[in-house]
Amino acid sequence: MNRSELIESLATRKKLTVKKSEVVVTTIFAAMAEALTSGDRIEIRGFGSFVIREYAPYTGRNPKTGESIGVQPKKLPFFKVGKEIRERLAAE
């Protein structure tokens, strides 16, 4: 499911206009992005959680030339699936 499909699904299920559904989805995503940017953890019970993982710098290799290159430290979002979804997928 992509963003536009989510907006359409919300509009259909809750009998909202597409514009109102788009505002809801945009607001939720903006709040989630803001929380992650400020270093907070997001947990949606039954669905999963988002956290920021910090990776230390390391020496990598250019796959084309084999040359060693330094990779800068980075922070990336990580999603962990919740127990309820994991069980539902295992049952299928």
C-alpha atoms as a PDB file:
ATOM      1  CA  MET A   1       0.000   0.000   0.000  1.00  0.00           C
ATOM      2  CA  ASN A   2       1.361   3.414  -0.880  1.00  0.00           C
ATOM      3  CA  ARG A   3       0.450   6.863   0.444  1.00  0.00           C
ATOM      4  CA  SER A   4      -2.354   7.558  -2.058  1.00  0.00           C
ATOM      5  CA  GLU A   5      -3.895   4.131  -1.445  1.00  0.00           C
ATOM      6  CA  LEU A   6      -3.802   4.811   2.307  1.00  0.00           C
ATOM      7  CA  ILE A   7      -5.567   8.146   1.779  1.00  0.00           C
ATOM      8  CA  GLU A   8      -8.237   6.528  -0.400  1.00  0.00           C
ATOM      9  CA  SER A   9      -8.746   3.680   2.087  1.00  0.00           C
ATOM     10  CA  LEU A  10      -9.158   6.121   4.981  1.00  0.00           C
ATOM     11  CA  ALA A  11     -11.621   8.214   2.973  1.00  0.00           C
ATOM     12  CA  THR A  12     -13.695   5.156   2.079  1.00  0.00           C
ATOM     13  CA  ARG A  13     -13.706   3.527   5.512  1.00  0.00           C
ATOM     14  CA  LYS A  14     -14.441   6.673   7.508  1.00  0.00           C
ATOM     15  CA  LYS A  15     -16.614   8.370   4.880  1.00  0.00           C
ATOM     16  CA  LEU A  16     -14.317  11.393   4.608  1.00  0.00           C
ATOM     17  CA  THR A  17     -13.428  13.436   1.577  1.00  0.00           C
ATOM     18  CA  VAL A  18     -10.114  12.618  -0.053  1.00  0.00           C
ATOM     19  CA  LYS A  19      -8.857  16.118   0.889  1.00  0.00           C
ATOM     20  CA  LYS A  20      -9.658  15.575   4.600  1.00  0.00           C
ATOM     21  CA  SER A  21      -8.074  12.124   4.516  1.00  0.00           C
ATOM     22  CA  GLU A  22      -4.967  13.581   2.914  1.00  0.00           C
ATOM     23  CA  VAL A  23      -4.721  16.180   5.694  1.00  0.00           C
ATOM     24  CA  VAL A  24      -5.022  13.442   8.342  1.00  0.00           C
ATOM     25  CA  VAL A  25      -2.355  11.236   6.753  1.00  0.00           C
ATOM     26  CA  THR A  26      -0.008  14.183   6.132  1.00  0.00           C
ATOM     27  CA  THR A  27      -0.417  15.364   9.731  1.00  0.00           C
ATOM     28  CA  ILE A  28       0.312  11.915  11.155  1.00  0.00           C
ATOM     29  CA  PHE A  29       3.389  11.418   8.972  1.00  0.00           C
ATOM     30  CA  ALA A  30       4.683  14.899   9.812  1.00  0.00           C
ATOM     31  CA  ALA A  31       4.278  14.239  13.537  1.00  0.00           C
ATOM     32  CA  MET A  32       6.080  10.901  13.202  1.00  0.00           C
ATOM     33  CA  ALA A  33       8.946  12.472  11.240  1.00  0.00           C
ATOM     34  CA  GLU A  34       9.248  15.252  13.808  1.00  0.00           C
ATOM     35  CA  ALA A  35       9.352  12.742  16.668  1.00  0.00           C
ATOM     36  CA  LEU A  36      12.081  10.689  14.993  1.00  0.00           C
ATOM     37  CA  THR A  37      14.060  13.809  14.130  1.00  0.00           C
ATOM     38  CA  SER A  38      14.035  14.873  17.773  1.00  0.00           C
ATOM     39  CA  GLY A  39      15.253  11.411  18.826  1.00  0.00           C
ATOM     40  CA  ASP A  40      11.963  10.070  20.184  1.00  0.00           C
ATOM     41  CA  ARG A  41      10.741   6.515  19.723  1.00  0.00           C
ATOM     42  CA  ILE A  42       7.362   5.846  18.093  1.00  0.00           C
ATOM     43  CA  GLU A  43       5.358   2.846  19.270  1.00  0.00           C
ATOM     44  CA  ILE A  44       2.024   1.845  17.775  1.00  0.00           C
ATOM     45  CA  ARG A  45       0.697  -1.047  19.848  1.00  0.00           C
ATOM     46  CA  GLY A  46      -0.154  -4.101  17.771  1.00  0.00           C
ATOM     47  CA  PHE A  47       1.641  -2.668  14.719  1.00  0.00           C
ATOM     48  CA  GLY A  48       5.264  -1.959  15.550  1.00  0.00           C
ATOM     49  CA  SER A  49       7.772   0.633  16.615  1.00  0.00           C
ATOM     50  CA  PHE A  50      10.155   3.054  14.943  1.00  0.00           C
ATOM     51  CA  VAL A  51      13.502   3.981  16.481  1.00  0.00           C
ATOM     52  CA  ILE A  52      16.612   5.743  15.268  1.00  0.00           C
ATOM     53  CA  ARG A  53      19.697   3.547  15.148  1.00  0.00           C
ATOM     54  CA  GLU A  54      23.112   5.134  15.193  1.00  0.00           C
ATOM     55  CA  TYR A  55      25.850   3.511  13.160  1.00  0.00           C
ATOM     56  CA  ALA A  56      29.527   4.108  13.870  1.00  0.00           C
ATOM     57  CA  PRO A  57      31.934   5.024  11.090  1.00  0.00           C
ATOM     58  CA  TYR A  58      33.551   2.099   9.317  1.00  0.00           C
ATOM     59  CA  THR A  59      35.805   1.279   6.400  1.00  0.00           C
ATOM     60  CA  GLY A  60      33.912   0.033   3.373  1.00  0.00           C
ATOM     61  CA  ARG A  61      34.957  -1.011  -0.104  1.00  0.00           C
ATOM     62  CA  ASN A  62      34.006   0.365  -3.481  1.00  0.00           C
ATOM     63  CA  PRO A  63      32.549  -2.742  -5.175  1.00  0.00           C
ATOM     64  CA  LYS A  64      33.692  -1.600  -8.613  1.00  0.00           C
ATOM     65  CA  THR A  65      37.331  -0.786  -7.810  1.00  0.00           C
ATOM     66  CA  GLY A  66      37.891  -2.602  -4.518  1.00  0.00           C
ATOM     67  CA  GLU A  67      39.272   0.636  -3.064  1.00  0.00           C
ATOM     68  CA  SER A  68      38.836   1.191   0.683  1.00  0.00           C
ATOM     69  CA  ILE A  69      36.630   4.133   1.577  1.00  0.00           C
ATOM     70  CA  GLY A  70      35.633   5.643   4.896  1.00  0.00           C
ATOM     71  CA  VAL A  71      31.916   5.624   5.634  1.00  0.00           C
ATOM     72  CA  GLN A  72      30.733   8.448   7.889  1.00  0.00           C
ATOM     73  CA  PRO A  73      28.664   7.752  11.019  1.00  0.00           C
ATOM     74  CA  LYS A  74      24.941   7.870  10.347  1.00  0.00           C
ATOM     75  CA  LYS A  75      21.522   7.697  11.936  1.00  0.00           C
ATOM     76  CA  LEU A  76      18.810   5.685  10.210  1.00  0.00           C
ATOM     77  CA  PRO A  77      15.204   4.883  11.102  1.00  0.00           C
ATOM     78  CA  PHE A  78      14.531   1.253  11.979  1.00  0.00           C
ATOM     79  CA  PHE A  79      11.110  -0.442  12.132  1.00  0.00           C
ATOM     80  CA  LYS A  80      10.424  -3.403  14.381  1.00  0.00           C
ATOM     81  CA  VAL A  81       7.235  -5.345  13.647  1.00  0.00           C
ATOM     82  CA  GLY A  82       4.815  -5.726  16.545  1.00  0.00           C
ATOM     83  CA  LYS A  83       3.828  -9.067  18.033  1.00  0.00           C
ATOM     84  CA  GLU A  84       0.241  -8.960  16.716  1.00  0.00           C
ATOM     85  CA  ILE A  85       1.229  -8.453  13.070  1.00  0.00           C
ATOM     86  CA  ARG A  86       4.060 -10.971  13.338  1.00  0.00           C
ATOM     87  CA  GLU A  87       1.578 -13.592  14.629  1.00  0.00           C
ATOM     88  CA  ARG A  88      -0.992 -12.761  11.925  1.00  0.00           C
ATOM     89  CA  LEU A  89       1.625 -13.185   9.201  1.00  0.00           C
ATOM     90  CA  ALA A  90       2.879 -16.450  10.681  1.00  0.00           C
ATOM     91  CA  ALA A  91      -0.698 -17.837  10.721  1.00  0.00           C
ATOM     92  CA  GLU A  92      -1.133 -17.336   6.981  1.00  0.00           C
END
